[in-house]
């Protein structure tokens, strides 16, 4: 995986933040749920779009690492990151 190709944005339904990861031959559409940002990145419930995006950007390194690991284990064209993906065993 190289970098974010699609500009991250809060989904219209406010369920998550959409972003894209560029691989060797494809772009994977990814979404991290708002519940995940609240649970593992300290986003306040009901936060504004600007605050949600700041939280996403601040945690992007960790978000990207988990997304890449999940894609290696289960390749797909779409990926949703949930609180379970960030839970420590």
Protein backbone atom coordinates (compact mmCIF):
# COMPACT_ATOMS: atom_id res chain seq x y z
CA UNK A 1 0.00 0.00 0.00
CA UNK A 2 1.28 3.43 -0.83
CA UNK A 3 -0.88 6.35 0.28
CA UNK A 4 -4.32 7.90 0.45
CA UNK A 5 -5.64 8.56 -3.05
CA UNK A 6 -9.22 9.54 -2.30
CA UNK A 7 -9.69 12.60 -0.11
CA UNK A 8 -11.06 11.29 3.19
CA UNK A 9 -14.60 12.44 3.90
CA UNK A 10 -17.37 11.85 6.39
CA UNK A 11 -20.09 9.72 4.82
CA UNK A 12 -23.42 11.43 4.13
CA UNK A 13 -25.13 9.10 6.63
CA UNK A 14 -22.48 9.99 9.28
CA UNK A 15 -21.74 6.28 9.87
CA UNK A 16 -18.04 6.66 9.14
CA UNK A 17 -15.15 8.25 7.29
CA UNK A 18 -14.41 7.00 3.77
CA UNK A 19 -10.87 6.90 2.43
CA UNK A 20 -8.93 4.98 -0.17
CA UNK A 21 -5.69 3.03 -0.07
CA UNK A 22 -3.67 2.61 -3.24
CA UNK A 23 -2.16 -0.83 -3.71
CA UNK A 24 0.03 -2.21 -6.46
CA UNK A 25 -2.74 -2.54 -9.04
CA UNK A 26 -5.88 -1.21 -7.40
CA UNK A 27 -7.50 1.22 -5.02
CA UNK A 28 -9.34 -0.21 -2.04
CA UNK A 29 -12.35 1.73 -0.77
CA UNK A 30 -12.18 1.86 3.03
CA UNK A 31 -14.51 3.11 5.74
CA UNK A 32 -13.75 3.47 9.42
CA UNK A 33 -16.94 3.67 11.44
CA UNK A 34 -17.76 6.59 13.71
CA UNK A 35 -18.20 4.03 16.52
CA UNK A 36 -14.57 2.99 16.01
CA UNK A 37 -13.35 6.59 16.15
CA UNK A 38 -15.38 7.12 19.34
CA UNK A 39 -14.19 3.89 20.97
CA UNK A 40 -10.51 3.86 20.04
CA UNK A 41 -9.61 7.44 19.02
CA UNK A 42 -11.47 9.49 21.66
CA UNK A 43 -13.93 11.17 19.29
CA UNK A 44 -16.76 12.71 21.28
CA UNK A 45 -20.26 11.38 20.46
CA UNK A 46 -22.09 13.82 18.16
CA UNK A 47 -18.84 15.55 17.13
CA UNK A 48 -18.84 17.95 14.20
CA UNK A 49 -17.58 16.91 10.78
CA UNK A 50 -14.47 19.05 11.27
CA UNK A 51 -13.69 17.38 14.60
CA UNK A 52 -14.33 13.94 13.10
CA UNK A 53 -11.88 14.64 10.28
CA UNK A 54 -9.25 15.93 12.72
CA UNK A 55 -9.58 12.77 14.78
CA UNK A 56 -9.26 10.67 11.61
CA UNK A 57 -6.15 12.57 10.47
CA UNK A 58 -4.56 12.35 13.92
CA UNK A 59 -5.06 8.58 14.02
CA UNK A 60 -4.39 7.90 10.36
CA UNK A 61 -1.10 6.07 10.90
CA UNK A 62 -2.74 3.48 13.14
CA UNK A 63 -5.88 3.34 10.98
CA UNK A 64 -3.82 2.70 7.86
CA UNK A 65 -1.72 0.01 9.56
CA UNK A 66 -4.82 -1.90 10.70
CA UNK A 67 -6.44 -1.51 7.25
CA UNK A 68 -3.34 -2.85 5.51
CA UNK A 69 -3.12 -5.85 7.86
CA UNK A 70 -6.79 -6.64 7.41
CA UNK A 71 -6.43 -6.42 3.62
CA UNK A 72 -3.43 -8.76 3.65
CA UNK A 73 -5.44 -11.30 5.63
CA UNK A 74 -8.65 -10.86 3.61
CA UNK A 75 -8.09 -9.17 0.23
CA UNK A 76 -11.13 -7.29 -1.08
CA UNK A 77 -12.13 -4.20 -3.04
CA UNK A 78 -13.97 -2.69 -0.03
CA UNK A 79 -13.06 -2.66 3.62
CA UNK A 80 -14.91 -1.54 6.75
CA UNK A 81 -12.99 -1.02 9.97
CA UNK A 82 -15.00 -1.58 13.15
CA UNK A 83 -14.15 -1.41 16.86
CA UNK A 84 -13.31 -5.15 16.84
CA UNK A 85 -10.47 -4.48 14.38
CA UNK A 86 -8.73 -2.25 16.96
CA UNK A 87 -9.45 -4.32 20.07
CA UNK A 88 -6.37 -5.74 21.74
CA UNK A 89 -6.40 -9.52 22.26
